PDB file of N, CA and C in Angstrom:
ATOM      1  N   MET A   1       0.827  -1.187   0.000  1.00  0.00           N
ATOM      2  CA  MET A   1       0.000   0.000   0.000  1.00  0.00           C
ATOM      3  C   MET A   1       0.877   1.258   0.000  1.00  0.00           C
ATOM      4  N   GLN A   2       1.930   1.211   0.785  1.00  0.00           N
ATOM      5  CA  GLN A   2       2.836   2.356   0.871  1.00  0.00           C
ATOM      6  C   GLN A   2       3.548   2.593  -0.458  1.00  0.00           C
ATOM      7  N   ALA A   3       3.911   1.517  -1.151  1.00  0.00           N
ATOM      8  CA  ALA A   3       4.587   1.648  -2.444  1.00  0.00           C
ATOM      9  C   ALA A   3       3.659   2.289  -3.475  1.00  0.00           C
ATOM     10  N   ALA A   4       2.384   1.924  -3.453  1.00  0.00           N
ATOM     11  CA  ALA A   4       1.416   2.514  -4.384  1.00  0.00           C
ATOM     12  C   ALA A   4       1.231   3.996  -4.102  1.00  0.00           C
ATOM     13  N   ALA A   5       1.199   4.357  -2.833  1.00  0.00           N
ATOM     14  CA  ALA A   5       1.068   5.774  -2.468  1.00  0.00           C
ATOM     15  C   ALA A   5       2.301   6.558  -2.914  1.00  0.00           C
ATOM     16  N   ASN A   6       3.485   5.968  -2.754  1.00  0.00           N
ATOM     17  CA  ASN A   6       4.714   6.638  -3.196  1.00  0.00           C
ATOM     18  C   ASN A   6       4.740   6.800  -4.709  1.00  0.00           C
ATOM     19  N   LEU A   7       4.310   5.786  -5.422  1.00  0.00           N
ATOM     20  CA  LEU A   7       4.270   5.860  -6.875  1.00  0.00           C
ATOM     21  C   LEU A   7       3.288   6.941  -7.336  1.00  0.00           C
ATOM     22  N   LEU A   8       2.132   6.994  -6.719  1.00  0.00           N
ATOM     23  CA  LEU A   8       1.142   8.025  -7.052  1.00  0.00           C
ATOM     24  C   LEU A   8       1.691   9.423  -6.755  1.00  0.00           C
ATOM     25  N   GLN A   9       2.396   9.560  -5.660  1.00  0.00           N
ATOM     26  CA  GLN A   9       2.997  10.852  -5.304  1.00  0.00           C
ATOM     27  C   GLN A   9       4.061  11.249  -6.330  1.00  0.00           C
ATOM     28  N   ILE A  10       4.843  10.303  -6.796  1.00  0.00           N
ATOM     29  CA  ILE A  10       5.868  10.590  -7.809  1.00  0.00           C
ATOM     30  C   ILE A  10       5.210  11.030  -9.117  1.00  0.00           C
ATOM     31  N   ILE A  11       4.161  10.326  -9.518  1.00  0.00           N
ATOM     32  CA  ILE A  11       3.473  10.670 -10.767  1.00  0.00           C
ATOM     33  C   ILE A  11       2.840  12.054 -10.668  1.00  0.00           C
ATOM     34  N   LEU A  12       2.172  12.344  -9.574  1.00  0.00           N
ATOM     35  CA  LEU A  12       1.561  13.661  -9.403  1.00  0.00           C
ATOM     36  C   LEU A  12       2.607  14.767  -9.341  1.00  0.00           C
ATOM     37  N   GLY A  13       3.708  14.492  -8.688  1.00  0.00           N
ATOM     38  CA  GLY A  13       4.797  15.476  -8.644  1.00  0.00           C
ATOM     39  C   GLY A  13       5.364  15.743 -10.021  1.00  0.00           C
ATOM     40  N   TYR A  14       5.495  14.689 -10.810  1.00  0.00           N
ATOM     41  CA  TYR A  14       5.987  14.836 -12.186  1.00  0.00           C
ATOM     42  C   TYR A  14       5.030  15.695 -13.013  1.00  0.00           C
ATOM     43  N   LEU A  15       3.736  15.406 -12.918  1.00  0.00           N
ATOM     44  CA  LEU A  15       2.757  16.171 -13.686  1.00  0.00           C
ATOM     45  C   LEU A  15       2.693  17.630 -13.243  1.00  0.00           C
ATOM     46  N   LEU A  16       2.763  17.865 -11.956  1.00  0.00           N
ATOM     47  CA  LEU A  16       2.790  19.248 -11.468  1.00  0.00           C
ATOM     48  C   LEU A  16       4.061  19.963 -11.902  1.00  0.00           C
ATOM     49  N   GLY A  17       5.166  19.239 -11.911  1.00  0.00           N
ATOM     50  CA  GLY A  17       6.423  19.822 -12.385  1.00  0.00           C
ATOM     51  C   GLY A  17       6.352  20.203 -13.850  1.00  0.00           C
ATOM     52  N   LEU A  18       5.726  19.367 -14.664  1.00  0.00           N
ATOM     53  CA  LEU A  18       5.555  19.692 -16.081  1.00  0.00           C
ATOM     54  C   LEU A  18       4.667  20.918 -16.261  1.00  0.00           C
ATOM     55  N   ALA A  19       3.598  20.990 -15.501  1.00  0.00           N
ATOM     56  CA  ALA A  19       2.713  22.151 -15.603  1.00  0.00           C
ATOM     57  C   ALA A  19       3.447  23.419 -15.175  1.00  0.00           C
ATOM     58  N   PHE A  20       4.222  23.336 -14.111  1.00  0.00           N
ATOM     59  CA  PHE A  20       4.992  24.482 -13.624  1.00  0.00           C
ATOM     60  C   PHE A  20       6.033  24.897 -14.655  1.00  0.00           C
ATOM     61  N   ALA A  21       6.750  23.937 -15.190  1.00  0.00           N
ATOM     62  CA  ALA A  21       7.783  24.244 -16.184  1.00  0.00           C
ATOM     63  C   ALA A  21       7.162  24.817 -17.447  1.00  0.00           C
ATOM     64  N   GLY A  22       6.031  24.277 -17.863  1.00  0.00           N
ATOM     65  CA  GLY A  22       5.371  24.771 -19.063  1.00  0.00           C
ATOM     66  C   GLY A  22       4.890  26.193 -18.926  1.00  0.00           C
ATOM     67  N   SER A  23       4.448  26.564 -17.726  1.00  0.00           N
ATOM     68  CA  SER A  23       3.947  27.926 -17.544  1.00  0.00           C
ATOM     69  C   SER A  23       5.075  28.946 -17.550  1.00  0.00           C
ATOM     70  N   PHE A  24       6.277  28.546 -17.136  1.00  0.00           N
ATOM     71  CA  PHE A  24       7.386  29.493 -17.095  1.00  0.00           C
ATOM     72  C   PHE A  24       8.317  29.376 -18.297  1.00  0.00           C
ATOM     73  N   LEU A  25       8.536  28.171 -18.754  1.00  0.00           N
ATOM     74  CA  LEU A  25       9.499  27.971 -19.827  1.00  0.00           C
ATOM     75  C   LEU A  25       8.870  28.031 -21.208  1.00  0.00           C
ATOM     76  N   GLY A  26       7.588  27.819 -21.292  1.00  0.00           N
ATOM     77  CA  GLY A  26       6.896  27.971 -22.554  1.00  0.00           C
ATOM     78  C   GLY A  26       6.607  26.679 -23.276  1.00  0.00           C
ATOM     79  N   ARG A  27       5.864  26.848 -24.347  1.00  0.00           N
ATOM     80  CA  ARG A  27       5.402  25.705 -25.131  1.00  0.00           C
ATOM     81  C   ARG A  27       6.535  24.991 -25.842  1.00  0.00           C
ATOM     82  N   LYS A  28       7.513  25.742 -26.320  1.00  0.00           N
ATOM     83  CA  LYS A  28       8.593  25.134 -27.084  1.00  0.00           C
ATOM     84  C   LYS A  28       9.357  24.123 -26.220  1.00  0.00           C
ATOM     85  N   TYR A  29       9.656  24.497 -24.978  1.00  0.00           N
ATOM     86  CA  TYR A  29      10.346  23.595 -24.060  1.00  0.00           C
ATOM     87  C   TYR A  29       9.512  22.345 -23.816  1.00  0.00           C
ATOM     88  N   MET A  30       8.217  22.537 -23.612  1.00  0.00           N
ATOM     89  CA  MET A  30       7.359  21.390 -23.346  1.00  0.00           C
ATOM     90  C   MET A  30       7.281  20.473 -24.571  1.00  0.00           C
ATOM     91  N   GLY A  31       7.310  21.052 -25.757  1.00  0.00           N
ATOM     92  CA  GLY A  31       7.323  20.241 -26.968  1.00  0.00           C
ATOM     93  C   GLY A  31       8.589  19.416 -27.070  1.00  0.00           C
ATOM     94  N   TYR A  32       9.727  20.032 -26.743  1.00  0.00           N
ATOM     95  CA  TYR A  32      10.992  19.292 -26.785  1.00  0.00           C
ATOM     96  C   TYR A  32      11.003  18.162 -25.762  1.00  0.00           C
ATOM     97  N   VAL A  33      10.439  18.398 -24.596  1.00  0.00           N
ATOM     98  CA  VAL A  33      10.366  17.340 -23.579  1.00  0.00           C
ATOM     99  C   VAL A  33       9.463  16.213 -24.063  1.00  0.00           C
ATOM    100  N   ASP A  34       8.358  16.565 -24.691  1.00  0.00           N
ATOM    101  CA  ASP A  34       7.441  15.555 -25.213  1.00  0.00           C
ATOM    102  C   ASP A  34       8.120  14.718 -26.295  1.00  0.00           C
ATOM    103  N   ILE A  35       8.871  15.359 -27.178  1.00  0.00           N
ATOM    104  CA  ILE A  35       9.601  14.638 -28.219  1.00  0.00           C
ATOM    105  C   ILE A  35      10.641  13.719 -27.600  1.00  0.00           C
ATOM    106  N   LEU A  36      11.352  14.216 -26.589  1.00  0.00           N
ATOM    107  CA  LEU A  36      12.345  13.398 -25.905  1.00  0.00           C
ATOM    108  C   LEU A  36      11.710  12.159 -25.283  1.00  0.00           C
ATOM    109  N   LEU A  37      10.561  12.322 -24.653  1.00  0.00           N
ATOM    110  CA  LEU A  37       9.883  11.180 -24.041  1.00  0.00           C
ATOM    111  C   LEU A  37       9.396  10.189 -25.102  1.00  0.00           C
ATOM    112  N   HIS A  38       8.934  10.699 -26.249  1.00  0.00           N
ATOM    113  CA  HIS A  38       8.514   9.792 -27.321  1.00  0.00           C
ATOM    114  C   HIS A  38       9.699   8.986 -27.846  1.00  0.00           C
ATOM    115  N   LYS A  39      10.846   9.623 -27.972  1.00  0.00           N
ATOM    116  CA  LYS A  39      12.034   8.900 -28.432  1.00  0.00           C
ATOM    117  C   LYS A  39      12.522   7.919 -27.374  1.00  0.00           C
ATOM    118  N   LEU A  40      12.476   8.339 -26.113  1.00  0.00           N
ATOM    119  CA  LEU A  40      12.956   7.502 -25.017  1.00  0.00           C
ATOM    120  C   LEU A  40      12.128   6.227 -24.900  1.00  0.00           C
ATOM    121  N   PHE A  41      10.805   6.360 -24.980  1.00  0.00           N
ATOM    122  CA  PHE A  41       9.929   5.208 -24.828  1.00  0.00           C
ATOM    123  C   PHE A  41       9.535   4.583 -26.156  1.00  0.00           C
ATOM    124  N   ARG A  42      10.124   5.074 -27.249  1.00  0.00           N
ATOM    125  CA  ARG A  42       9.902   4.550 -28.607  1.00  0.00           C
ATOM    126  C   ARG A  42       8.424   4.480 -28.947  1.00  0.00           C
ATOM    127  N   ARG A  43       7.747   5.594 -28.688  1.00  0.00           N
ATOM    128  CA  ARG A  43       6.325   5.688 -28.984  1.00  0.00           C
ATOM    129  C   ARG A  43       6.117   6.046 -30.448  1.00  0.00           C
ATOM    130  N   LYS A  44       5.040   5.571 -31.021  1.00  0.00           N
ATOM    131  CA  LYS A  44       4.704   5.874 -32.403  1.00  0.00           C
ATOM    132  C   LYS A  44       4.216   7.326 -32.488  1.00  0.00           C
ATOM    133  N   ILE A  45       4.713   8.040 -33.475  1.00  0.00           N
ATOM    134  CA  ILE A  45       4.341   9.442 -33.644  1.00  0.00           C
ATOM    135  C   ILE A  45       3.163   9.513 -34.614  1.00  0.00           C
ATOM    136  N   THR A  46       2.133  10.257 -34.221  1.00  0.00           N
ATOM    137  CA  THR A  46       0.954  10.401 -35.058  1.00  0.00           C
ATOM    138  C   THR A  46       0.979  11.759 -35.758  1.00  0.00           C
ATOM    139  N   LEU A  47       0.099  11.906 -36.721  1.00  0.00           N
ATOM    140  CA  LEU A  47      -0.003  13.170 -37.441  1.00  0.00           C
ATOM    141  C   LEU A  47      -0.432  14.296 -36.507  1.00  0.00           C
ATOM    142  N   ALA A  48      -1.337  13.998 -35.587  1.00  0.00           N
ATOM    143  CA  ALA A  48      -1.794  15.020 -34.637  1.00  0.00           C
ATOM    144  C   ALA A  48      -0.640  15.513 -33.764  1.00  0.00           C
ATOM    145  N   GLN A  49       0.213  14.615 -33.302  1.00  0.00           N
ATOM    146  CA  GLN A  49       1.359  15.025 -32.495  1.00  0.00           C
ATOM    147  C   GLN A  49       2.331  15.855 -33.315  1.00  0.00           C
ATOM    148  N   TYR A  50       2.563  15.457 -34.563  1.00  0.00           N
ATOM    149  CA  TYR A  50       3.458  16.221 -35.442  1.00  0.00           C
ATOM    150  C   TYR A  50       2.931  17.649 -35.629  1.00  0.00           C
ATOM    151  N   LEU A  51       1.635  17.773 -35.899  1.00  0.00           N
ATOM    152  CA  LEU A  51       1.046  19.097 -36.087  1.00  0.00           C
ATOM    153  C   LEU A  51       1.092  19.927 -34.806  1.00  0.00           C
ATOM    154  N   TYR A  52       0.868  19.275 -33.669  1.00  0.00           N
ATOM    155  CA  TYR A  52       0.949  19.963 -32.376  1.00  0.00           C
ATOM    156  C   TYR A  52       2.355  20.509 -32.160  1.00  0.00           C
ATOM    157  N   TRP A  53       3.377  19.697 -32.377  1.00  0.00           N
ATOM    158  CA  TRP A  53       4.750  20.139 -32.171  1.00  0.00           C
ATOM    159  C   TRP A  53       5.131  21.229 -33.155  1.00  0.00           C
ATOM    160  N   LYS A  54       4.711  21.075 -34.403  1.00  0.00           N
ATOM    161  CA  LYS A  54       5.116  22.003 -35.465  1.00  0.00           C
ATOM    162  C   LYS A  54       4.447  23.369 -35.312  1.00  0.00           C
ATOM    163  N   TYR A  55       3.133  23.378 -35.103  1.00  0.00           N
ATOM    164  CA  TYR A  55       2.405  24.639 -35.158  1.00  0.00           C
ATOM    165  C   TYR A  55       2.033  25.215 -33.800  1.00  0.00           C
ATOM    166  N   PHE A  56       1.797  24.399 -32.789  1.00  0.00           N
ATOM    167  CA  PHE A  56       1.455  24.927 -31.477  1.00  0.00           C
ATOM    168  C   PHE A  56       2.706  25.206 -30.650  1.00  0.00           C
ATOM    169  N   CYS A  57       3.639  24.254 -30.668  1.00  0.00           N
ATOM    170  CA  CYS A  57       4.866  24.430 -29.891  1.00  0.00           C
ATOM    171  C   CYS A  57       5.904  25.252 -30.647  1.00  0.00           C
ATOM    172  N   GLY A  58       5.799  25.330 -31.964  1.00  0.00           N
ATOM    173  CA  GLY A  58       6.728  26.133 -32.750  1.00  0.00           C
ATOM    174  C   GLY A  58       8.091  25.493 -32.937  1.00  0.00           C
ATOM    175  N   ILE A  59       8.147  24.183 -32.960  1.00  0.00           N
ATOM    176  CA  ILE A  59       9.413  23.479 -33.168  1.00  0.00           C
ATOM    177  C   ILE A  59       9.644  23.370 -34.674  1.00  0.00           C
ATOM    178  N   ALA A  60      10.822  23.778 -35.106  1.00  0.00           N
ATOM    179  CA  ALA A  60      11.099  23.883 -36.543  1.00  0.00           C
ATOM    180  C   ALA A  60      11.057  22.531 -37.256  1.00  0.00           C
ATOM    181  N   ASN A  61      11.741  21.531 -36.752  1.00  0.00           N
ATOM    182  CA  ASN A  61      11.820  20.221 -37.415  1.00  0.00           C
ATOM    183  C   ASN A  61      11.464  19.091 -36.452  1.00  0.00           C
ATOM    184  N   PRO A  62      10.179  18.938 -36.117  1.00  0.00           N
ATOM    185  CA  PRO A  62       9.823  17.829 -35.227  1.00  0.00           C
ATOM    186  C   PRO A  62       9.902  16.504 -35.971  1.00  0.00           C
ATOM    187  N   PRO A  63      10.009  15.391 -35.244  1.00  0.00           N
ATOM    188  CA  PRO A  63      10.023  14.080 -35.907  1.00  0.00           C
ATOM    189  C   PRO A  63       8.719  13.866 -36.668  1.00  0.00           C
ATOM    190  N   LYS A  64       8.828  13.255 -37.830  1.00  0.00           N
ATOM    191  CA  LYS A  64       7.660  13.068 -38.686  1.00  0.00           C
ATOM    192  C   LYS A  64       7.112  11.655 -38.534  1.00  0.00           C
ATOM    193  N   PRO A  65       5.781  11.536 -38.628  1.00  0.00           N
ATOM    194  CA  PRO A  65       5.198  10.188 -38.600  1.00  0.00           C
ATOM    195  C   PRO A  65       5.479   9.452 -39.899  1.00  0.00           C
ATOM    196  N   GLY A  66       5.288   8.167 -39.875  1.00  0.00           N
ATOM    197  CA  GLY A  66       5.571   7.341 -41.042  1.00  0.00           C
ATOM    198  C   GLY A  66       4.769   7.726 -42.273  1.00  0.00           C
ATOM    199  N   SER A  67       3.532   8.183 -42.077  1.00  0.00           N
ATOM    200  CA  SER A  67       2.698   8.540 -43.223  1.00  0.00           C
ATOM    201  C   SER A  67       3.283   9.725 -43.989  1.00  0.00           C
ATOM    202  N   ILE A  68       3.830  10.694 -43.298  1.00  0.00           N
ATOM    203  CA  ILE A  68       4.434  11.849 -43.969  1.00  0.00           C
ATOM    204  C   ILE A  68       5.729  11.434 -44.649  1.00  0.00           C
ATOM    205  N   LYS A  69       6.503  10.569 -44.003  1.00  0.00           N
ATOM    206  CA  LYS A  69       7.751  10.101 -44.614  1.00  0.00           C
ATOM    207  C   LYS A  69       7.468   9.357 -45.913  1.00  0.00           C
ATOM    208  N   ARG A  70       6.438   8.499 -45.900  1.00  0.00           N
ATOM    209  CA  ARG A  70       6.095   7.747 -47.109  1.00  0.00           C
ATOM    210  C   ARG A  70       5.594   8.678 -48.205  1.00  0.00           C
ATOM    211  N   ALA A  71       4.803   9.686 -47.841  1.00  0.00           N
ATOM    212  CA  ALA A  71       4.288  10.622 -48.833  1.00  0.00           C
ATOM    213  C   ALA A  71       5.420  11.446 -49.445  1.00  0.00           C
ATOM    214  N   GLU A  72       6.372  11.879 -48.629  1.00  0.00           N
ATOM    215  CA  GLU A  72       7.512  12.635 -49.150  1.00  0.00           C
ATOM    216  C   GLU A  72       8.360  11.781 -50.086  1.00  0.00           C
ATOM    217  N   LYS A  73       8.536  10.513 -49.737  1.00  0.00           N
ATOM    218  CA  LYS A  73       9.313   9.614 -50.594  1.00  0.00           C
ATOM    219  C   LYS A  73       8.610   9.402 -51.930  1.00  0.00           C
ATOM    220  N   ALA A  74       7.297   9.215 -51.894  1.00  0.00           N
ATOM    221  CA  ALA A  74       6.537   9.031 -53.133  1.00  0.00           C
ATOM    222  C   ALA A  74       6.584  10.289 -53.995  1.00  0.00           C
ATOM    223  N   MET A  75       6.504  11.454 -53.378  1.00  0.00           N
ATOM    224  CA  MET A  75       6.566  12.709 -54.127  1.00  0.00           C
ATOM    225  C   MET A  75       7.938  12.908 -54.764  1.00  0.00           C
ATOM    226  N   SER A  76       8.991  12.557 -54.050  1.00  0.00           N
ATOM    227  CA  SER A  76      10.332  12.702 -54.624  1.00  0.00           C
ATOM    228  C   SER A  76      10.526  11.743 -55.803  1.00  0.00           C
ATOM    229  N   GLU A  77       9.988  10.521 -55.683  1.00  0.00           N
ATOM    230  CA  GLU A  77      10.079   9.570 -56.790  1.00  0.00           C
ATOM    231  C   GLU A  77       9.264  10.062 -57.995  1.00  0.00           C
ATOM    232  N   LEU A  78       8.116  10.653 -57.720  1.00  0.00           N
ATOM    233  CA  LEU A  78       7.279  11.201 -58.795  1.00  0.00           C
ATOM    234  C   LEU A  78       7.993  12.353 -59.494  1.00  0.00           C
ATOM    235  N   ARG A  79       8.635  13.215 -58.723  1.00  0.00           N
ATOM    236  CA  ARG A  79       9.389  14.328 -59.312  1.00  0.00           C
ATOM    237  C   ARG A  79      10.518  13.810 -60.192  1.00  0.00           C
ATOM    238  N   LYS A  80      11.223  12.778 -59.724  1.00  0.00           N
ATOM    239  CA  LYS A  80      12.311  12.184 -60.513  1.00  0.00           C
ATOM    240  C   LYS A  80      11.766  11.588 -61.801  1.00  0.00           C
ATOM    241  N   ALA A  81      10.631  10.914 -61.732  1.00  0.00           N
ATOM    242  CA  ALA A  81      10.042  10.291 -62.919  1.00  0.00           C
ATOM    243  C   ALA A  81       9.584  11.342 -63.925  1.00  0.00           C
ATOM    244  N   LEU A  82       9.056  12.452 -63.449  1.00  0.00           N
ATOM    245  CA  LEU A  82       8.570  13.503 -64.341  1.00  0.00           C
ATOM    246  C   LEU A  82       9.718  14.258 -65.000  1.00  0.00           C
ATOM    247  N   LYS A  83      10.877  14.310 -64.357  1.00  0.00           N
ATOM    248  CA  LYS A  83      12.031  14.990 -64.945  1.00  0.00           C
ATOM    249  C   LYS A  83      12.646  14.192 -66.082  1.00  0.00           C
ATOM    250  N   LEU A  84      12.424  12.878 -66.084  1.00  0.00           N
ATOM    251  CA  LEU A  84      12.988  12.023 -67.136  1.00  0.00           C
ATOM    252  C   LEU A  84      12.219  12.244 -68.376  1.00  0.00           C
TER     253      LEU A  84
END
């Protein structure tokens, strides 16, 4: 029971720390932390997260989801084919 209470306290402290840091350090910092956590835990990046990082947080080059990578590759191949 004590271990569960300690774990809950750690999680709440972490969330409060993020809220505190976000209010003072800004959206860009919070976006970078979110990207770091996604890379650390190898989470799949969605289009919504990419758009959030790019336009709300203002991060210049956030990691792209697989769908955008595939679309860019197809467009580059199409451009190469049209130049021939």
